[in-house]
Amino acid sequence: MSHKLLLLTRENERYRQLLASCHLPGLQLLDDDPANIRRADIWLAEPALAAPLLAHADQLRWMQSTFAGVDLLVKPKQRRDYCLTNVRGIFGPLMSEYLFGYLLARQREHDKYRSQQQQKIWLPGSYRTLQGQELLLLGTGSIAKHLAATAKHFGMKVTGINRSAKPTAGFDRVATLDALPEFIVGADAIASILPSTPETRGALSAQMLALMKPGAVLFNLGRGDVLDLDALAEQLQNQPEQQAVLDVFNQEPLPQDHPIWDRDNVIITPHIAAPSFPEQVAEIFSSNYHLLLKGEPLTHQVNFERGY
């Protein structure tokens, strides 16, 4: 049986080259003619590009998202009569580089020594070690597991938050979101890798943020709507010893008039913590395509009800 593939990415030509090198049997790569939206039974797509076109996809059977986040494709009014798979299992190392790069720079006072260097000042500081510190991870999926393993290498204690408090390898303890107030008060570093669901939206509210200990650092790496950004901006103005490292936002690009830009104790990055590289996406697509040909379940299927 032959299949027709439509590419909806900002790197279509790169994907064409990669998929051609995979020699996938029976797969026809369609060109960018808009008429092919109705002809293709498989899409390899970025969610933001695919979502507005779903109503016209007459033959769609399977869509492979090039991203992990598929929020735009699982909204209640979107169609759900096809198999949606996303990208997983490749972001752990990238997210660890991001989180621990910033965390170690903070612990080792990189900004202070850079400033002293510019002034030619020789003055040893009193940095803190990560050993014995508490890392609170909101989420215990594949990314969080990699973060937990990295934290263990530094001698940290790790608490995880998930839907059921199911014990998870690599975590010292696991609890549900209801227990967040109990654990956030003692955490030295908090990182949210949560998906966007009705249960998680607004989880890091003003009341929850107010429980963070002085000197804590907050990372938002999952979905922007988990965090009350306005409340965080106000809190960090009043708590200069706290810090936030933010990579995801409700509105992207982040509006230039938002007060969070002006906080000295905030680092803002433009959603670059763990990008999905075409080479890795093509490998996942190729693996799933072979499963499709054999009539076997595809990997990384998205549950439309849960949203991830």
C-alpha atoms as a PDB file:
ATOM      1  CA  MET A   1       0.000   0.000   0.000  1.00  0.00           C
ATOM      2  CA  SER A   2       1.313   3.449  -0.878  1.00  0.00           C
ATOM      3  CA  HIS A   3       1.086   6.528   1.335  1.00  0.00           C
ATOM      4  CA  LYS A   4       1.232  10.226   0.543  1.00  0.00           C
ATOM      5  CA  LEU A   5       3.189  12.473   2.914  1.00  0.00           C
ATOM      6  CA  LEU A   6       2.661  16.207   3.319  1.00  0.00           C
ATOM      7  CA  LEU A   7       5.364  18.283   5.007  1.00  0.00           C
ATOM      8  CA  LEU A   8       4.203  21.276   7.029  1.00  0.00           C
ATOM      9  CA  THR A   9       7.382  22.609   8.620  1.00  0.00           C
ATOM     10  CA  ARG A  10       9.657  25.597   8.307  1.00  0.00           C
ATOM     11  CA  GLU A  11      12.403  23.215   7.186  1.00  0.00           C
ATOM     12  CA  ASN A  12      10.615  21.258   4.474  1.00  0.00           C
ATOM     13  CA  GLU A  13      13.647  20.924   2.220  1.00  0.00           C
ATOM     14  CA  ARG A  14      15.787  19.550   5.038  1.00  0.00           C
ATOM     15  CA  TYR A  15      13.099  16.986   5.856  1.00  0.00           C
ATOM     16  CA  ARG A  16      12.856  16.001   2.183  1.00  0.00           C
ATOM     17  CA  GLN A  17      16.570  15.254   2.134  1.00  0.00           C
ATOM     18  CA  LEU A  18      16.478  13.290   5.384  1.00  0.00           C
ATOM     19  CA  LEU A  19      13.423  11.208   4.479  1.00  0.00           C
ATOM     20  CA  ALA A  20      14.760  10.485   1.003  1.00  0.00           C
ATOM     21  CA  SER A  21      17.871   9.027   2.618  1.00  0.00           C
ATOM     22  CA  CYS A  22      15.666   6.715   4.741  1.00  0.00           C
ATOM     23  CA  HIS A  23      14.342   4.940   1.608  1.00  0.00           C
ATOM     24  CA  LEU A  24      10.882   4.427   3.109  1.00  0.00           C
ATOM     25  CA  PRO A  25       8.950   1.947   0.943  1.00  0.00           C
ATOM     26  CA  GLY A  26       5.698   3.074  -0.637  1.00  0.00           C
ATOM     27  CA  LEU A  27       5.995   6.649   0.612  1.00  0.00           C
ATOM     28  CA  GLN A  28       5.380   9.511  -1.824  1.00  0.00           C
ATOM     29  CA  LEU A  29       6.572  12.935  -0.663  1.00  0.00           C
ATOM     30  CA  LEU A  30       4.115  15.489  -1.969  1.00  0.00           C
ATOM     31  CA  ASP A  31       5.161  18.975  -2.988  1.00  0.00           C
ATOM     32  CA  ASP A  32       3.944  22.163  -1.318  1.00  0.00           C
ATOM     33  CA  ASP A  33       0.891  22.601  -3.534  1.00  0.00           C
ATOM     34  CA  PRO A  34      -2.065  23.565  -1.237  1.00  0.00           C
ATOM     35  CA  ALA A  35      -4.205  20.989  -3.040  1.00  0.00           C
ATOM     36  CA  ASN A  36      -2.119  18.262  -1.439  1.00  0.00           C
ATOM     37  CA  ILE A  37      -3.637  19.079   1.942  1.00  0.00           C
ATOM     38  CA  ARG A  38      -6.660  17.061   0.793  1.00  0.00           C
ATOM     39  CA  ARG A  39      -4.629  14.248  -0.793  1.00  0.00           C
ATOM     40  CA  ALA A  40      -2.128  13.354   1.905  1.00  0.00           C
ATOM     41  CA  ASP A  41      -2.914  10.579   4.383  1.00  0.00           C
ATOM     42  CA  ILE A  42       0.205  11.319   6.477  1.00  0.00           C
ATOM     43  CA  TRP A  43       1.421  14.689   7.714  1.00  0.00           C
ATOM     44  CA  LEU A  44       4.797  15.517   9.217  1.00  0.00           C
ATOM     45  CA  ALA A  45       3.973  18.873  10.719  1.00  0.00           C
ATOM     46  CA  GLU A  46       4.562  21.633  13.190  1.00  0.00           C
ATOM     47  CA  PRO A  47       1.369  21.986  15.270  1.00  0.00           C
ATOM     48  CA  ALA A  48       0.977  25.719  14.616  1.00  0.00           C
ATOM     49  CA  LEU A  49       1.114  25.156  10.857  1.00  0.00           C
ATOM     50  CA  ALA A  50      -1.136  22.098  10.887  1.00  0.00           C
ATOM     51  CA  ALA A  51      -3.915  23.245  13.221  1.00  0.00           C
ATOM     52  CA  PRO A  52      -5.582  25.765  10.859  1.00  0.00           C
ATOM     53  CA  LEU A  53      -5.618  23.219   8.015  1.00  0.00           C
ATOM     54  CA  LEU A  54      -7.049  20.169   9.769  1.00  0.00           C
ATOM     55  CA  ALA A  55     -10.590  20.776   8.541  1.00  0.00           C
ATOM     56  CA  HIS A  56      -9.397  20.363   4.944  1.00  0.00           C
ATOM     57  CA  ALA A  57      -7.452  17.132   5.481  1.00  0.00           C
ATOM     58  CA  ASP A  58      -9.851  14.720   3.804  1.00  0.00           C
ATOM     59  CA  GLN A  59      -7.510  11.705   3.816  1.00  0.00           C
ATOM     60  CA  LEU A  60      -5.533  12.276   7.020  1.00  0.00           C
ATOM     61  CA  ARG A  61      -4.795   9.044   8.872  1.00  0.00           C
ATOM     62  CA  TRP A  62      -1.681   9.872  10.882  1.00  0.00           C
ATOM     63  CA  MET A  63       0.140  13.048  11.841  1.00  0.00           C
ATOM     64  CA  GLN A  64       3.663  13.051  13.246  1.00  0.00           C
ATOM     65  CA  SER A  65       4.261  16.284  15.133  1.00  0.00           C
ATOM     66  CA  THR A  66       7.772  17.681  14.947  1.00  0.00           C
ATOM     67  CA  PHE A  67       7.372  19.023  18.492  1.00  0.00           C
ATOM     68  CA  ALA A  68       6.579  17.496  21.861  1.00  0.00           C
ATOM     69  CA  GLY A  69       3.912  20.108  22.584  1.00  0.00           C
ATOM     70  CA  VAL A  70       0.688  19.590  20.636  1.00  0.00           C
ATOM     71  CA  ASP A  71      -1.630  21.950  22.514  1.00  0.00           C
ATOM     72  CA  LEU A  72      -3.040  23.494  19.320  1.00  0.00           C
ATOM     73  CA  LEU A  73      -4.004  20.061  17.996  1.00  0.00           C
ATOM     74  CA  VAL A  74      -5.820  18.747  21.085  1.00  0.00           C
ATOM     75  CA  LYS A  75      -8.166  21.635  21.792  1.00  0.00           C
ATOM     76  CA  PRO A  76     -11.759  20.475  22.440  1.00  0.00           C
ATOM     77  CA  LYS A  77     -13.148  21.602  19.070  1.00  0.00           C
ATOM     78  CA  GLN A  78     -10.326  20.129  16.983  1.00  0.00           C
ATOM     79  CA  ARG A  79     -10.936  16.877  15.116  1.00  0.00           C
ATOM     80  CA  ARG A  80      -9.696  13.657  16.671  1.00  0.00           C
ATOM     81  CA  ASP A  81     -10.356  11.080  13.973  1.00  0.00           C
ATOM     82  CA  TYR A  82      -6.712  10.357  13.223  1.00  0.00           C
ATOM     83  CA  CYS A  83      -3.605   9.095  15.008  1.00  0.00           C
ATOM     84  CA  LEU A  84      -1.445  11.877  16.426  1.00  0.00           C
ATOM     85  CA  THR A  85       2.107  11.145  17.530  1.00  0.00           C
ATOM     86  CA  ASN A  86       4.629  13.577  18.958  1.00  0.00           C
ATOM     87  CA  VAL A  87       8.345  13.668  19.642  1.00  0.00           C
ATOM     88  CA  ARG A  88       9.584  12.241  22.930  1.00  0.00           C
ATOM     89  CA  GLY A  89      12.708  10.738  24.393  1.00  0.00           C
ATOM     90  CA  ILE A  90      15.167  13.171  22.804  1.00  0.00           C
ATOM     91  CA  PHE A  91      14.811  16.234  25.019  1.00  0.00           C
ATOM     92  CA  GLY A  92      16.249  14.995  28.317  1.00  0.00           C
ATOM     93  CA  PRO A  93      19.935  15.691  27.577  1.00  0.00           C
ATOM     94  CA  LEU A  94      19.164  19.087  26.027  1.00  0.00           C
ATOM     95  CA  MET A  95      16.978  20.133  28.942  1.00  0.00           C
ATOM     96  CA  SER A  96      19.640  19.004  31.415  1.00  0.00           C
ATOM     97  CA  GLU A  97      22.248  21.136  29.659  1.00  0.00           C
ATOM     98  CA  TYR A  98      19.917  24.121  29.886  1.00  0.00           C
ATOM     99  CA  LEU A  99      18.778  23.722  33.481  1.00  0.00           C
ATOM    100  CA  PHE A 100      22.094  22.772  35.036  1.00  0.00           C
ATOM    101  CA  GLY A 101      24.002  25.297  32.932  1.00  0.00           C
ATOM    102  CA  TYR A 102      22.017  28.116  34.507  1.00  0.00           C
ATOM    103  CA  LEU A 103      21.797  26.479  37.922  1.00  0.00           C
ATOM    104  CA  LEU A 104      25.549  25.922  38.184  1.00  0.00           C
ATOM    105  CA  ALA A 105      26.277  29.432  36.947  1.00  0.00           C
ATOM    106  CA  ARG A 106      24.098  30.733  39.756  1.00  0.00           C
ATOM    107  CA  GLN A 107      25.645  28.487  42.397  1.00  0.00           C
ATOM    108  CA  ARG A 108      29.200  29.313  41.295  1.00  0.00           C
ATOM    109  CA  GLU A 109      28.471  33.068  41.108  1.00  0.00           C
ATOM    110  CA  HIS A 110      29.524  33.479  37.482  1.00  0.00           C
ATOM    111  CA  ASP A 111      27.999  36.962  37.197  1.00  0.00           C
ATOM    112  CA  LYS A 112      29.858  38.147  40.280  1.00  0.00           C
ATOM    113  CA  TYR A 113      33.246  36.933  39.075  1.00  0.00           C
ATOM    114  CA  ARG A 114      32.669  38.294  35.588  1.00  0.00           C
ATOM    115  CA  SER A 115      31.964  41.689  37.108  1.00  0.00           C
ATOM    116  CA  GLN A 116      35.055  41.452  39.313  1.00  0.00           C
ATOM    117  CA  GLN A 117      37.161  40.481  36.309  1.00  0.00           C
ATOM    118  CA  GLN A 118      36.079  43.607  34.459  1.00  0.00           C
ATOM    119  CA  GLN A 119      37.159  45.660  37.494  1.00  0.00           C
ATOM    120  CA  LYS A 120      40.361  43.593  37.984  1.00  0.00           C
ATOM    121  CA  ILE A 121      39.274  42.654  41.500  1.00  0.00           C
ATOM    122  CA  TRP A 122      40.620  39.462  43.151  1.00  0.00           C
ATOM    123  CA  LEU A 123      38.060  38.554  45.811  1.00  0.00           C
ATOM    124  CA  PRO A 124      37.026  34.932  46.464  1.00  0.00           C
ATOM    125  CA  GLY A 125      33.329  34.483  47.197  1.00  0.00           C
ATOM    126  CA  SER A 126      31.361  31.852  49.080  1.00  0.00           C
ATOM    127  CA  TYR A 127      29.553  29.794  46.501  1.00  0.00           C
ATOM    128  CA  ARG A 128      27.071  27.057  47.396  1.00  0.00           C
ATOM    129  CA  THR A 129      27.379  23.440  46.347  1.00  0.00           C
ATOM    130  CA  LEU A 130      24.464  21.525  44.850  1.00  0.00           C
ATOM    131  CA  GLN A 131      25.203  18.600  47.148  1.00  0.00           C
ATOM    132  CA  GLY A 132      22.297  18.083  49.521  1.00  0.00           C
ATOM    133  CA  GLN A 133      20.082  20.680  47.837  1.00  0.00           C
ATOM    134  CA  GLU A 134      16.483  19.880  46.937  1.00  0.00           C
ATOM    135  CA  LEU A 135      15.277  19.808  43.338  1.00  0.00           C
ATOM    136  CA  LEU A 136      11.506  19.779  42.854  1.00  0.00           C
ATOM    137  CA  LEU A 137      10.409  18.588  39.409  1.00  0.00           C
ATOM    138  CA  LEU A 138       6.831  19.214  38.330  1.00  0.00           C
ATOM    139  CA  GLY A 139       6.477  16.219  36.058  1.00  0.00           C
ATOM    140  CA  THR A 140       8.102  12.782  36.114  1.00  0.00           C
ATOM    141  CA  GLY A 141       8.147  11.927  32.398  1.00  0.00           C
ATOM    142  CA  SER A 142      11.175  11.178  30.238  1.00  0.00           C
ATOM    143  CA  ILE A 143      12.590  14.713  30.467  1.00  0.00           C
ATOM    144  CA  ALA A 144      12.131  14.869  34.229  1.00  0.00           C
ATOM    145  CA  LYS A 145      13.747  11.459  34.646  1.00  0.00           C
ATOM    146  CA  HIS A 146      16.832  12.666  32.825  1.00  0.00           C
ATOM    147  CA  LEU A 147      16.918  15.817  34.950  1.00  0.00           C
ATOM    148  CA  ALA A 148      16.586  13.691  38.087  1.00  0.00           C
ATOM    149  CA  ALA A 149      19.465  11.454  37.022  1.00  0.00           C
ATOM    150  CA  THR A 150      21.658  14.481  36.359  1.00  0.00           C
ATOM    151  CA  ALA A 151      20.711  15.971  39.720  1.00  0.00           C
ATOM    152  CA  LYS A 152      21.740  12.745  41.414  1.00  0.00           C
ATOM    153  CA  HIS A 153      25.214  13.057  39.894  1.00  0.00           C
ATOM    154  CA  PHE A 154      25.519  16.356  41.763  1.00  0.00           C
ATOM    155  CA  GLY A 155      24.284  14.818  45.008  1.00  0.00           C
ATOM    156  CA  MET A 156      20.897  16.523  45.042  1.00  0.00           C
ATOM    157  CA  LYS A 157      17.670  15.221  46.561  1.00  0.00           C
ATOM    158  CA  VAL A 158      14.858  14.992  44.013  1.00  0.00           C
ATOM    159  CA  THR A 159      11.095  15.201  44.492  1.00  0.00           C
ATOM    160  CA  GLY A 160       8.686  14.636  41.619  1.00  0.00           C
ATOM    161  CA  ILE A 161       5.075  15.680  41.064  1.00  0.00           C
ATOM    162  CA  ASN A 162       2.800  13.574  38.837  1.00  0.00           C
ATOM    163  CA  ARG A 163      -0.867  12.637  38.405  1.00  0.00           C
ATOM    164  CA  SER A 164      -0.948   9.622  40.708  1.00  0.00           C
ATOM    165  CA  ALA A 165       2.072   9.868  43.055  1.00  0.00           C
ATOM    166  CA  LYS A 166       3.321   6.674  41.439  1.00  0.00           C
ATOM    167  CA  PRO A 167       6.876   5.903  42.614  1.00  0.00           C
ATOM    168  CA  THR A 168       9.325   6.665  39.834  1.00  0.00           C
ATOM    169  CA  ALA A 169      12.909   5.511  39.428  1.00  0.00           C
ATOM    170  CA  GLY A 170      15.435   8.251  40.156  1.00  0.00           C
ATOM    171  CA  PHE A 171      13.181  10.230  42.498  1.00  0.00           C
ATOM    172  CA  ASP A 172      13.522  10.197  46.285  1.00  0.00           C
ATOM    173  CA  ARG A 173       9.806  10.820  46.613  1.00  0.00           C
ATOM    174  CA  VAL A 174       6.829  11.448  44.362  1.00  0.00           C
ATOM    175  CA  ALA A 175       3.545  13.190  45.154  1.00  0.00           C
ATOM    176  CA  THR A 176       0.486  14.571  43.384  1.00  0.00           C
ATOM    177  CA  LEU A 177      -0.063  18.214  42.482  1.00  0.00           C
ATOM    178  CA  ASP A 178      -2.199  18.586  45.607  1.00  0.00           C
ATOM    179  CA  ALA A 179       0.967  18.150  47.674  1.00  0.00           C
ATOM    180  CA  LEU A 180       2.845  20.944  45.883  1.00  0.00           C
ATOM    181  CA  PRO A 181       2.498  23.425  48.794  1.00  0.00           C
ATOM    182  CA  GLU A 182       4.155  20.916  51.103  1.00  0.00           C
ATOM    183  CA  PHE A 183       7.206  20.432  48.903  1.00  0.00           C
ATOM    184  CA  ILE A 184       7.725  23.828  47.303  1.00  0.00           C
ATOM    185  CA  VAL A 185       8.583  25.406  50.653  1.00  0.00           C
ATOM    186  CA  GLY A 186      11.754  23.343  51.008  1.00  0.00           C
ATOM    187  CA  ALA A 187      12.930  23.294  47.399  1.00  0.00           C
ATOM    188  CA  ASP A 188      16.139  25.072  46.421  1.00  0.00           C
ATOM    189  CA  ALA A 189      15.301  24.703  42.726  1.00  0.00           C
ATOM    190  CA  ILE A 190      11.887  24.151  41.146  1.00  0.00           C
ATOM    191  CA  ALA A 191      11.426  23.162  37.506  1.00  0.00           C
ATOM    192  CA  SER A 192       8.086  22.792  35.757  1.00  0.00           C
ATOM    193  CA  ILE A 193       8.014  20.417  32.790  1.00  0.00           C
ATOM    194  CA  LEU A 194       4.260  19.957  33.037  1.00  0.00           C
ATOM    195  CA  PRO A 195       1.990  19.725  29.991  1.00  0.00           C
ATOM    196  CA  SER A 196      -0.916  22.111  29.574  1.00  0.00           C
ATOM    197  CA  THR A 197      -4.039  20.453  30.966  1.00  0.00           C
ATOM    198  CA  PRO A 198      -7.062  21.712  32.938  1.00  0.00           C
ATOM    199  CA  GLU A 199      -5.361  20.389  36.095  1.00  0.00           C
ATOM    200  CA  THR A 200      -1.991  22.038  35.518  1.00  0.00           C
ATOM    201  CA  ARG A 201      -2.999  25.459  34.221  1.00  0.00           C
ATOM    202  CA  GLY A 202      -2.233  28.073  36.853  1.00  0.00           C
ATOM    203  CA  ALA A 203      -0.604  25.538  39.185  1.00  0.00           C
ATOM    204  CA  LEU A 204       2.192  28.018  39.927  1.00  0.00           C
ATOM    205  CA  SER A 205      -0.189  30.679  41.186  1.00  0.00           C
ATOM    206  CA  ALA A 206       0.588  33.756  43.255  1.00  0.00           C
ATOM    207  CA  GLN A 207      -0.263  31.806  46.418  1.00  0.00           C
ATOM    208  CA  MET A 208       2.030  28.942  45.424  1.00  0.00           C
ATOM    209  CA  LEU A 209       4.915  31.181  44.385  1.00  0.00           C
ATOM    210  CA  ALA A 210       4.710  32.979  47.721  1.00  0.00           C
ATOM    211  CA  LEU A 211       5.699  29.711  49.422  1.00  0.00           C
ATOM    212  CA  MET A 212       9.104  29.541  47.730  1.00  0.00           C
ATOM    213  CA  LYS A 213      12.022  29.851  50.105  1.00  0.00           C
ATOM    214  CA  PRO A 214      14.375  32.843  49.931  1.00  0.00           C
ATOM    215  CA  GLY A 215      17.129  32.098  47.446  1.00  0.00           C
ATOM    216  CA  ALA A 216      15.076  29.567  45.461  1.00  0.00           C
ATOM    217  CA  VAL A 217      15.336  29.472  41.669  1.00  0.00           C
ATOM    218  CA  LEU A 218      12.345  28.668  39.471  1.00  0.00           C
ATOM    219  CA  PHE A 219      12.568  27.218  35.954  1.00  0.00           C
ATOM    220  CA  ASN A 220       9.543  27.149  33.641  1.00  0.00           C
ATOM    221  CA  LEU A 221      10.345  24.739  30.799  1.00  0.00           C
ATOM    222  CA  GLY A 222       7.069  22.991  29.984  1.00  0.00           C
ATOM    223  CA  ARG A 223       4.064  25.178  29.186  1.00  0.00           C
ATOM    224  CA  GLY A 224       3.634  28.877  29.783  1.00  0.00           C
ATOM    225  CA  ASP A 225       0.117  28.651  31.209  1.00  0.00           C
ATOM    226  CA  VAL A 226       1.264  26.621  34.218  1.00  0.00           C
ATOM    227  CA  LEU A 227       2.773  29.827  35.636  1.00  0.00           C
ATOM    228  CA  ASP A 228       1.112  33.108  36.673  1.00  0.00           C
ATOM    229  CA  LEU A 229       3.693  35.370  35.043  1.00  0.00           C
ATOM    230  CA  ASP A 230       2.221  38.609  36.416  1.00  0.00           C
ATOM    231  CA  ALA A 231       2.384  37.261  39.959  1.00  0.00           C
ATOM    232  CA  LEU A 232       5.968  36.088  39.433  1.00  0.00           C
ATOM    233  CA  ALA A 233       7.043  39.515  38.181  1.00  0.00           C
ATOM    234  CA  GLU A 234       5.633  41.136  41.308  1.00  0.00           C
ATOM    235  CA  GLN A 235       7.139  38.548  43.625  1.00  0.00           C
ATOM    236  CA  LEU A 236      10.621  38.796  42.145  1.00  0.00           C
ATOM    237  CA  GLN A 237      10.528  42.545  42.577  1.00  0.00           C
ATOM    238  CA  ASN A 238       9.847  42.008  46.284  1.00  0.00           C
ATOM    239  CA  GLN A 239      12.169  38.993  46.657  1.00  0.00           C
ATOM    240  CA  PRO A 240      15.484  39.984  45.017  1.00  0.00           C
ATOM    241  CA  GLU A 241      17.261  36.866  46.354  1.00  0.00           C
ATOM    242  CA  GLN A 242      14.990  34.606  44.349  1.00  0.00           C
ATOM    243  CA  GLN A 243      15.587  33.978  40.659  1.00  0.00           C
ATOM    244  CA  ALA A 244      13.592  32.684  37.705  1.00  0.00           C
ATOM    245  CA  VAL A 245      14.789  31.204  34.415  1.00  0.00           C
ATOM    246  CA  LEU A 246      11.924  31.255  31.923  1.00  0.00           C
ATOM    247  CA  ASP A 247      11.852  29.643  28.479  1.00  0.00           C
ATOM    248  CA  VAL A 248       8.111  29.292  27.780  1.00  0.00           C
ATOM    249  CA  PHE A 249       5.320  31.832  27.955  1.00  0.00           C
ATOM    250  CA  ASN A 250       1.568  32.089  27.459  1.00  0.00           C
ATOM    251  CA  GLN A 251       2.146  34.561  24.663  1.00  0.00           C
ATOM    252  CA  GLU A 252       5.181  34.110  22.453  1.00  0.00           C
ATOM    253  CA  PRO A 253       7.006  36.304  21.649  1.00  0.00           C
ATOM    254  CA  LEU A 254       6.720  37.711  25.164  1.00  0.00           C
ATOM    255  CA  PRO A 255       5.210  41.229  24.873  1.00  0.00           C
ATOM    256  CA  GLN A 256       7.853  43.923  25.235  1.00  0.00           C
ATOM    257  CA  ASP A 257       5.777  45.819  27.794  1.00  0.00           C
ATOM    258  CA  HIS A 258       5.598  42.958  30.282  1.00  0.00           C
ATOM    259  CA  PRO A 259       7.331  43.948  33.561  1.00  0.00           C
ATOM    260  CA  ILE A 260       9.142  40.591  33.814  1.00  0.00           C
ATOM    261  CA  TRP A 261      11.651  41.861  31.225  1.00  0.00           C
ATOM    262  CA  ASP A 262      12.929  44.442  33.696  1.00  0.00           C
ATOM    263  CA  ARG A 263      13.613  42.156  36.639  1.00  0.00           C
ATOM    264  CA  ASP A 264      17.343  41.782  37.308  1.00  0.00           C
ATOM    265  CA  ASN A 265      16.743  38.361  38.868  1.00  0.00           C
ATOM    266  CA  VAL A 266      15.120  36.866  35.756  1.00  0.00           C
ATOM    267  CA  ILE A 267      16.680  35.179  32.750  1.00  0.00           C
ATOM    268  CA  ILE A 268      14.438  35.038  29.677  1.00  0.00           C
ATOM    269  CA  THR A 269      15.143  32.775  26.713  1.00  0.00           C
ATOM    270  CA  PRO A 270      12.988  32.494  23.552  1.00  0.00           C
ATOM    271  CA  HIS A 271      11.738  28.894  23.838  1.00  0.00           C
ATOM    272  CA  ILE A 272      15.112  27.367  23.007  1.00  0.00           C
ATOM    273  CA  ALA A 273      15.773  25.075  25.984  1.00  0.00           C
ATOM    274  CA  ALA A 274      15.327  21.835  24.029  1.00  0.00           C
ATOM    275  CA  PRO A 275      14.629  22.197  20.309  1.00  0.00           C
ATOM    276  CA  SER A 276      13.741  19.178  18.202  1.00  0.00           C
ATOM    277  CA  PHE A 277      16.329  18.681  15.469  1.00  0.00           C
ATOM    278  CA  PRO A 278      15.142  17.452  12.059  1.00  0.00           C
ATOM    279  CA  GLU A 279      17.568  14.520  12.137  1.00  0.00           C
ATOM    280  CA  GLN A 280      15.996  13.213  15.346  1.00  0.00           C
ATOM    281  CA  VAL A 281      12.422  13.840  14.180  1.00  0.00           C
ATOM    282  CA  ALA A 282      13.099  12.044  10.889  1.00  0.00           C
ATOM    283  CA  GLU A 283      14.419   9.037  12.800  1.00  0.00           C
ATOM    284  CA  ILE A 284      11.268   8.890  14.937  1.00  0.00           C
ATOM    285  CA  PHE A 285       9.061   9.302  11.860  1.00  0.00           C
ATOM    286  CA  SER A 286      10.914   6.544  10.016  1.00  0.00           C
ATOM    287  CA  SER A 287      10.514   4.148  12.934  1.00  0.00           C
ATOM    288  CA  ASN A 288       6.802   4.906  13.199  1.00  0.00           C
ATOM    289  CA  TYR A 289       6.308   4.554   9.444  1.00  0.00           C
ATOM    290  CA  HIS A 290       7.679   1.032   9.522  1.00  0.00           C
ATOM    291  CA  LEU A 291       5.278   0.228  12.384  1.00  0.00           C
ATOM    292  CA  LEU A 292       2.428   1.642  10.299  1.00  0.00           C
ATOM    293  CA  LEU A 293       3.327  -0.629   7.386  1.00  0.00           C
ATOM    294  CA  LYS A 294       3.271  -3.638   9.707  1.00  0.00           C
ATOM    295  CA  GLY A 295      -0.063  -2.633  11.223  1.00  0.00           C
ATOM    296  CA  GLU A 296       1.460  -2.214  14.674  1.00  0.00           C
ATOM    297  CA  PRO A 297       0.712   0.582  17.171  1.00  0.00           C
ATOM    298  CA  LEU A 298       2.766   3.712  16.648  1.00  0.00           C
ATOM    299  CA  THR A 299       5.040   5.013  19.390  1.00  0.00           C
ATOM    300  CA  HIS A 300       4.486   8.296  21.244  1.00  0.00           C
ATOM    301  CA  GLN A 301       0.760   8.420  20.535  1.00  0.00           C
ATOM    302  CA  VAL A 302      -0.986  11.449  22.004  1.00  0.00           C
ATOM    303  CA  ASN A 303      -4.034  10.951  24.202  1.00  0.00           C
ATOM    304  CA  PHE A 304      -6.471  13.605  22.975  1.00  0.00           C
ATOM    305  CA  GLU A 305      -8.342  13.646  26.280  1.00  0.00           C
ATOM    306  CA  ARG A 306      -5.245  14.185  28.409  1.00  0.00           C
ATOM    307  CA  GLY A 307      -3.647  16.520  25.890  1.00  0.00           C
ATOM    308  CA  TYR A 308      -0.262  14.820  25.750  1.00  0.00           C
END
